Structure formats: structure tokens, C-alpha cells
């Protein structure tokens, strides 16, 4: 069960690395297309998206520390913290931006949290 929890968590980490890239360095190319923004709308939201990308980077960092920290207790705490933050951010995103964010972020994070709980 722990291996499955780690695999799902790793996939979530990789997804959020991709999201960080879309919201920051790839925003003008892939990000604009992924978020279905016109060139004009992209110009308006670029600073907010970059800021959002920064926050997603912190979520990635929490999960990365969960994988890399040598103390298992601290590693586990970072993993649970990162997944919980992703779940809450997904709920907020679904309520304020787009409902599909709930399925892209919250559902996988909750599944990973449950897998870690039962591992």
C-alpha cells in the first residue's frame, strides 16, 4: 500500500511541476493554450498566473521534501502537508475558477492521502 501511495504522490508531484511550468516559463506558449486564453486575456492575467505558479512551486517543494528528507517522520509530515494543501487549493480552484480543477487536483490528492493513511 505504501508503494502505491508513493507512486500516486509522485504522479501528483510531476503534475504540479507541469502546472508550475505552464503558469510561469511556458505561459506564453503552452500555458495560454492549456488555459484557453486569448492573447489579450493572457496579457491581463500573466502576473496572477506567474504568482499562482510560484505557489504551486511551494506545493511541489513540500512533496519533494517528503520524498527526499532522511527522517521518515519529517518526510511523512511534508508529504501529508503538501497533499492536504493541494486538496484544499483544488477545492478553492473549483469554487472560484473551474469545476474540473476539483477532479484534476483534489480527487488525486485525497486518494493519495487515503493511501498514505492506510499504508
N, C-alpha and C. Protein backbone atom coordinates (compact mmCIF):
# COMPACT_ATOMS: atom_id res chain seq x y z
N UNK A 1 0.83 -1.20 0.00
CA UNK A 1 0.00 0.00 0.00
C UNK A 1 0.87 1.26 0.00
N UNK A 2 1.98 1.20 0.73
CA UNK A 2 2.87 2.37 0.77
C UNK A 2 3.45 2.66 -0.60
N UNK A 3 3.83 1.63 -1.34
CA UNK A 3 4.37 1.84 -2.69
C UNK A 3 3.34 2.52 -3.58
N UNK A 4 2.09 2.10 -3.52
CA UNK A 4 1.03 2.72 -4.31
C UNK A 4 0.84 4.18 -3.88
N UNK A 5 0.88 4.45 -2.59
CA UNK A 5 0.77 5.82 -2.09
C UNK A 5 1.90 6.69 -2.63
N UNK A 6 3.10 6.13 -2.65
CA UNK A 6 4.25 6.88 -3.15
C UNK A 6 4.16 7.11 -4.66
N UNK A 7 3.67 6.15 -5.39
CA UNK A 7 3.51 6.30 -6.83
C UNK A 7 2.49 7.40 -7.15
N UNK A 8 1.35 7.34 -6.48
CA UNK A 8 0.32 8.37 -6.71
C UNK A 8 0.85 9.75 -6.31
N UNK A 9 1.56 9.83 -5.20
CA UNK A 9 2.14 11.10 -4.76
C UNK A 9 3.16 11.61 -5.78
N UNK A 10 3.98 10.72 -6.31
CA UNK A 10 4.97 11.11 -7.33
C UNK A 10 4.28 11.64 -8.59
N UNK A 11 3.19 11.01 -8.99
CA UNK A 11 2.44 11.49 -10.15
C UNK A 11 1.85 12.88 -9.90
N UNK A 12 1.36 13.09 -8.69
CA UNK A 12 0.83 14.40 -8.32
C UNK A 12 1.95 15.44 -8.33
N UNK A 13 3.10 15.08 -7.80
CA UNK A 13 4.26 15.98 -7.83
C UNK A 13 4.60 16.36 -9.27
N UNK A 14 4.67 15.38 -10.16
CA UNK A 14 5.00 15.64 -11.56
C UNK A 14 3.94 16.50 -12.24
N UNK A 15 2.68 16.24 -11.94
CA UNK A 15 1.59 17.07 -12.47
C UNK A 15 1.78 18.52 -12.06
N UNK A 16 2.14 18.73 -10.81
CA UNK A 16 2.30 20.10 -10.32
C UNK A 16 3.57 20.77 -10.84
N UNK A 17 4.59 20.00 -11.13
CA UNK A 17 5.76 20.57 -11.82
C UNK A 17 5.30 21.09 -13.18
N UNK A 18 4.51 20.31 -13.88
CA UNK A 18 3.98 20.72 -15.18
C UNK A 18 3.12 21.98 -15.04
N UNK A 19 2.27 22.02 -14.03
CA UNK A 19 1.42 23.19 -13.80
C UNK A 19 2.28 24.43 -13.52
N UNK A 20 3.32 24.27 -12.70
CA UNK A 20 4.23 25.39 -12.42
C UNK A 20 4.81 25.91 -13.73
N UNK A 21 5.27 25.01 -14.57
CA UNK A 21 5.85 25.41 -15.85
C UNK A 21 4.83 26.11 -16.74
N UNK A 22 3.60 25.58 -16.78
CA UNK A 22 2.55 26.21 -17.59
C UNK A 22 2.23 27.62 -17.11
N UNK A 23 2.25 27.81 -15.81
CA UNK A 23 1.87 29.10 -15.24
C UNK A 23 3.01 30.12 -15.22
N UNK A 24 4.21 29.66 -15.47
CA UNK A 24 5.36 30.57 -15.41
C UNK A 24 6.11 30.60 -16.74
N UNK A 25 7.12 29.80 -16.89
CA UNK A 25 8.02 29.91 -18.04
C UNK A 25 7.39 29.51 -19.37
N UNK A 26 6.36 28.69 -19.36
CA UNK A 26 5.70 28.28 -20.60
C UNK A 26 4.34 28.96 -20.81
N UNK A 27 4.08 29.99 -20.02
CA UNK A 27 2.75 30.61 -20.07
C UNK A 27 2.42 31.18 -21.44
N UNK A 28 3.37 31.85 -22.08
CA UNK A 28 3.09 32.49 -23.37
C UNK A 28 2.87 31.49 -24.49
N UNK A 29 3.35 30.29 -24.34
CA UNK A 29 3.18 29.30 -25.40
C UNK A 29 2.15 28.25 -24.98
N UNK A 30 2.57 27.25 -24.26
CA UNK A 30 1.68 26.15 -23.86
C UNK A 30 0.64 26.56 -22.82
N UNK A 31 1.03 27.42 -21.88
CA UNK A 31 0.11 27.82 -20.82
C UNK A 31 -1.12 28.52 -21.34
N UNK A 32 -0.93 29.44 -22.24
CA UNK A 32 -2.06 30.19 -22.81
C UNK A 32 -3.03 29.23 -23.49
N UNK A 33 -2.50 28.24 -24.20
CA UNK A 33 -3.35 27.25 -24.87
C UNK A 33 -4.05 26.34 -23.85
N UNK A 34 -3.29 25.88 -22.85
CA UNK A 34 -3.85 24.97 -21.85
C UNK A 34 -4.98 25.61 -21.06
N UNK A 35 -4.87 26.91 -20.81
CA UNK A 35 -5.90 27.62 -20.06
C UNK A 35 -6.91 28.30 -20.97
N UNK A 36 -6.81 28.05 -22.29
CA UNK A 36 -7.76 28.57 -23.29
C UNK A 36 -7.93 30.09 -23.17
N UNK A 37 -6.81 30.80 -23.19
CA UNK A 37 -6.84 32.25 -23.05
C UNK A 37 -6.48 32.92 -24.38
N UNK A 38 -7.22 33.94 -24.71
CA UNK A 38 -6.85 34.75 -25.87
C UNK A 38 -5.55 35.50 -25.53
N UNK A 39 -4.90 36.01 -26.55
CA UNK A 39 -3.66 36.76 -26.34
C UNK A 39 -3.92 37.96 -25.43
N UNK A 40 -5.04 38.63 -25.63
CA UNK A 40 -5.39 39.81 -24.83
C UNK A 40 -5.63 39.43 -23.37
N UNK A 41 -6.40 38.38 -23.16
CA UNK A 41 -6.70 37.92 -21.80
C UNK A 41 -5.41 37.44 -21.11
N UNK A 42 -4.54 36.76 -21.86
CA UNK A 42 -3.29 36.27 -21.30
C UNK A 42 -2.43 37.42 -20.80
N UNK A 43 -2.41 38.52 -21.53
CA UNK A 43 -1.64 39.70 -21.10
C UNK A 43 -2.14 40.21 -19.76
N UNK A 44 -3.45 40.18 -19.58
CA UNK A 44 -4.06 40.70 -18.35
C UNK A 44 -3.75 39.79 -17.16
N UNK A 45 -3.85 38.48 -17.36
CA UNK A 45 -3.72 37.55 -16.23
C UNK A 45 -2.30 37.04 -16.01
N UNK A 46 -1.34 37.38 -16.90
CA UNK A 46 0.03 36.87 -16.79
C UNK A 46 0.62 37.05 -15.38
N UNK A 47 0.55 38.25 -14.78
CA UNK A 47 1.15 38.39 -13.43
C UNK A 47 0.50 37.48 -12.39
N UNK A 48 -0.82 37.35 -12.44
CA UNK A 48 -1.51 36.49 -11.48
C UNK A 48 -1.16 35.02 -11.70
N UNK A 49 -1.04 34.62 -12.95
CA UNK A 49 -0.68 33.23 -13.25
C UNK A 49 0.74 32.93 -12.77
N UNK A 50 1.63 33.88 -12.97
CA UNK A 50 3.01 33.68 -12.50
C UNK A 50 3.04 33.53 -10.98
N UNK A 51 2.26 34.35 -10.30
CA UNK A 51 2.17 34.26 -8.84
C UNK A 51 1.58 32.91 -8.43
N UNK A 52 0.56 32.48 -9.13
CA UNK A 52 -0.05 31.18 -8.86
C UNK A 52 0.95 30.06 -9.10
N UNK A 53 1.76 30.20 -10.14
CA UNK A 53 2.80 29.21 -10.41
C UNK A 53 3.81 29.12 -9.29
N UNK A 54 4.11 30.28 -8.70
CA UNK A 54 5.03 30.30 -7.56
C UNK A 54 4.45 29.49 -6.39
N UNK A 55 3.18 29.69 -6.11
CA UNK A 55 2.54 28.94 -5.03
C UNK A 55 2.51 27.45 -5.33
N UNK A 56 2.24 27.09 -6.57
CA UNK A 56 2.27 25.68 -6.94
C UNK A 56 3.67 25.11 -6.78
N UNK A 57 4.68 25.95 -7.00
CA UNK A 57 6.06 25.53 -6.77
C UNK A 57 6.32 25.16 -5.31
N UNK A 58 5.68 25.89 -4.40
CA UNK A 58 5.82 25.56 -2.98
C UNK A 58 5.18 24.21 -2.66
N UNK A 59 4.09 23.89 -3.34
CA UNK A 59 3.46 22.59 -3.14
C UNK A 59 4.37 21.47 -3.65
N UNK A 60 4.99 21.72 -4.80
CA UNK A 60 5.97 20.76 -5.34
C UNK A 60 7.11 20.57 -4.34
N UNK A 61 7.59 21.68 -3.78
CA UNK A 61 8.70 21.61 -2.82
C UNK A 61 8.33 20.76 -1.61
N UNK A 62 7.11 20.94 -1.10
CA UNK A 62 6.68 20.15 0.06
C UNK A 62 6.69 18.66 -0.27
N UNK A 63 6.16 18.30 -1.44
CA UNK A 63 6.14 16.88 -1.82
C UNK A 63 7.55 16.37 -2.07
N UNK A 64 8.41 17.20 -2.65
CA UNK A 64 9.80 16.78 -2.89
C UNK A 64 10.52 16.53 -1.58
N UNK A 65 10.32 17.40 -0.59
CA UNK A 65 10.93 17.18 0.73
C UNK A 65 10.41 15.87 1.31
N UNK A 66 9.13 15.58 1.07
CA UNK A 66 8.55 14.32 1.53
C UNK A 66 9.26 13.10 0.95
N UNK A 67 9.74 13.22 -0.26
CA UNK A 67 10.48 12.11 -0.88
C UNK A 67 11.94 12.09 -0.47
N UNK A 68 12.52 13.24 -0.19
CA UNK A 68 13.97 13.33 -0.04
C UNK A 68 14.49 13.43 1.39
N UNK A 69 13.64 13.82 2.33
CA UNK A 69 14.15 14.01 3.70
C UNK A 69 14.53 12.67 4.32
N UNK A 70 15.69 12.61 4.96
CA UNK A 70 16.15 11.33 5.51
C UNK A 70 15.36 10.85 6.73
N UNK A 71 14.73 11.74 7.45
CA UNK A 71 13.94 11.35 8.62
C UNK A 71 12.52 11.01 8.14
N UNK A 72 12.11 9.77 8.32
CA UNK A 72 10.83 9.29 7.81
C UNK A 72 9.64 10.06 8.39
N UNK A 73 9.72 10.45 9.65
CA UNK A 73 8.62 11.18 10.28
C UNK A 73 8.46 12.56 9.66
N UNK A 74 9.57 13.24 9.46
CA UNK A 74 9.53 14.57 8.84
C UNK A 74 9.10 14.46 7.38
N UNK A 75 9.62 13.46 6.68
CA UNK A 75 9.25 13.24 5.28
C UNK A 75 7.74 13.02 5.16
N UNK A 76 7.21 12.19 6.03
CA UNK A 76 5.77 11.90 6.02
C UNK A 76 4.97 13.17 6.29
N UNK A 77 5.41 13.97 7.24
CA UNK A 77 4.69 15.21 7.57
C UNK A 77 4.66 16.16 6.37
N UNK A 78 5.77 16.30 5.68
CA UNK A 78 5.80 17.16 4.49
C UNK A 78 4.88 16.61 3.39
N UNK A 79 4.87 15.30 3.22
CA UNK A 79 4.01 14.69 2.20
C UNK A 79 2.54 14.96 2.51
N UNK A 80 2.14 14.73 3.73
CA UNK A 80 0.74 14.94 4.12
C UNK A 80 0.38 16.42 4.01
N UNK A 81 1.28 17.30 4.45
CA UNK A 81 1.04 18.74 4.34
C UNK A 81 0.86 19.14 2.87
N UNK A 82 1.77 18.70 2.01
CA UNK A 82 1.68 19.05 0.59
C UNK A 82 0.40 18.54 -0.05
N UNK A 83 0.04 17.30 0.22
CA UNK A 83 -1.18 16.73 -0.35
C UNK A 83 -2.43 17.44 0.19
N UNK A 84 -2.44 17.75 1.47
CA UNK A 84 -3.58 18.47 2.04
C UNK A 84 -3.72 19.85 1.42
N UNK A 85 -2.62 20.55 1.24
CA UNK A 85 -2.66 21.88 0.61
C UNK A 85 -3.17 21.77 -0.82
N UNK A 86 -2.73 20.77 -1.56
CA UNK A 86 -3.20 20.57 -2.92
C UNK A 86 -4.70 20.30 -2.94
N UNK A 87 -5.17 19.47 -2.01
CA UNK A 87 -6.60 19.17 -1.94
C UNK A 87 -7.42 20.43 -1.67
N UNK A 88 -6.98 21.24 -0.73
CA UNK A 88 -7.70 22.48 -0.40
C UNK A 88 -7.63 23.47 -1.56
N UNK A 89 -6.45 23.60 -2.17
CA UNK A 89 -6.30 24.50 -3.32
C UNK A 89 -7.22 24.07 -4.46
N UNK A 90 -7.37 22.78 -4.64
CA UNK A 90 -8.27 22.27 -5.69
C UNK A 90 -9.72 22.60 -5.41
N UNK A 91 -10.11 22.52 -4.15
CA UNK A 91 -11.48 22.89 -3.78
C UNK A 91 -11.70 24.38 -4.07
N UNK A 92 -10.75 25.19 -3.67
CA UNK A 92 -10.85 26.63 -3.90
C UNK A 92 -10.87 26.95 -5.40
N UNK A 93 -10.01 26.29 -6.14
CA UNK A 93 -9.98 26.49 -7.59
C UNK A 93 -11.28 26.08 -8.24
N UNK A 94 -11.86 24.98 -7.80
CA UNK A 94 -13.13 24.52 -8.36
C UNK A 94 -14.26 25.50 -8.04
N UNK A 95 -14.20 26.09 -6.85
CA UNK A 95 -15.24 27.04 -6.44
C UNK A 95 -15.10 28.39 -7.13
N UNK A 96 -13.88 28.78 -7.46
CA UNK A 96 -13.66 30.13 -7.96
C UNK A 96 -13.27 30.22 -9.43
N UNK A 97 -12.75 29.14 -10.01
CA UNK A 97 -12.24 29.23 -11.38
C UNK A 97 -12.97 28.25 -12.31
N UNK A 98 -12.81 26.95 -12.05
CA UNK A 98 -13.32 25.93 -12.96
C UNK A 98 -13.55 24.64 -12.20
N UNK A 99 -14.73 24.07 -12.35
CA UNK A 99 -15.09 22.87 -11.59
C UNK A 99 -14.14 21.70 -11.83
N UNK A 100 -13.58 21.59 -13.03
CA UNK A 100 -12.71 20.45 -13.34
C UNK A 100 -11.44 20.42 -12.49
N UNK A 101 -11.08 21.54 -11.89
CA UNK A 101 -9.91 21.58 -11.01
C UNK A 101 -10.09 20.62 -9.84
N UNK A 102 -11.32 20.45 -9.41
CA UNK A 102 -11.61 19.51 -8.31
C UNK A 102 -11.14 18.11 -8.68
N UNK A 103 -11.37 17.70 -9.92
CA UNK A 103 -11.01 16.35 -10.36
C UNK A 103 -9.54 16.24 -10.73
N UNK A 104 -8.94 17.34 -11.12
CA UNK A 104 -7.54 17.34 -11.50
C UNK A 104 -6.62 17.39 -10.28
N UNK A 105 -7.03 18.12 -9.24
CA UNK A 105 -6.17 18.32 -8.08
C UNK A 105 -6.70 17.63 -6.82
N UNK A 106 -7.93 17.94 -6.44
CA UNK A 106 -8.43 17.48 -5.14
C UNK A 106 -8.60 15.96 -5.08
N UNK A 107 -9.24 15.39 -6.08
CA UNK A 107 -9.51 13.95 -6.04
C UNK A 107 -8.22 13.14 -5.96
N UNK A 108 -7.21 13.40 -6.82
CA UNK A 108 -5.97 12.63 -6.68
C UNK A 108 -5.28 12.85 -5.33
N UNK A 109 -5.30 14.10 -4.84
CA UNK A 109 -4.65 14.37 -3.54
C UNK A 109 -5.36 13.63 -2.41
N UNK A 110 -6.68 13.59 -2.44
CA UNK A 110 -7.43 12.87 -1.39
C UNK A 110 -7.16 11.37 -1.50
N UNK A 111 -7.10 10.85 -2.72
CA UNK A 111 -6.77 9.43 -2.89
C UNK A 111 -5.39 9.14 -2.31
N UNK A 112 -4.42 10.00 -2.61
CA UNK A 112 -3.07 9.81 -2.07
C UNK A 112 -3.07 9.90 -0.55
N UNK A 113 -3.81 10.86 0.00
CA UNK A 113 -3.90 10.97 1.46
C UNK A 113 -4.49 9.70 2.07
N UNK A 114 -5.52 9.17 1.46
CA UNK A 114 -6.11 7.92 1.97
C UNK A 114 -5.14 6.76 1.86
N UNK A 115 -4.42 6.67 0.75
CA UNK A 115 -3.43 5.61 0.59
C UNK A 115 -2.33 5.71 1.65
N UNK A 116 -1.87 6.94 1.91
CA UNK A 116 -0.86 7.11 2.96
C UNK A 116 -1.41 6.76 4.33
N UNK A 117 -2.67 7.10 4.57
CA UNK A 117 -3.28 6.81 5.85
C UNK A 117 -3.36 5.30 6.11
N UNK A 118 -3.71 4.55 5.08
CA UNK A 118 -3.89 3.11 5.23
C UNK A 118 -2.62 2.32 4.99
N UNK A 119 -1.53 3.00 4.62
CA UNK A 119 -0.26 2.31 4.35
C UNK A 119 0.41 1.88 5.65
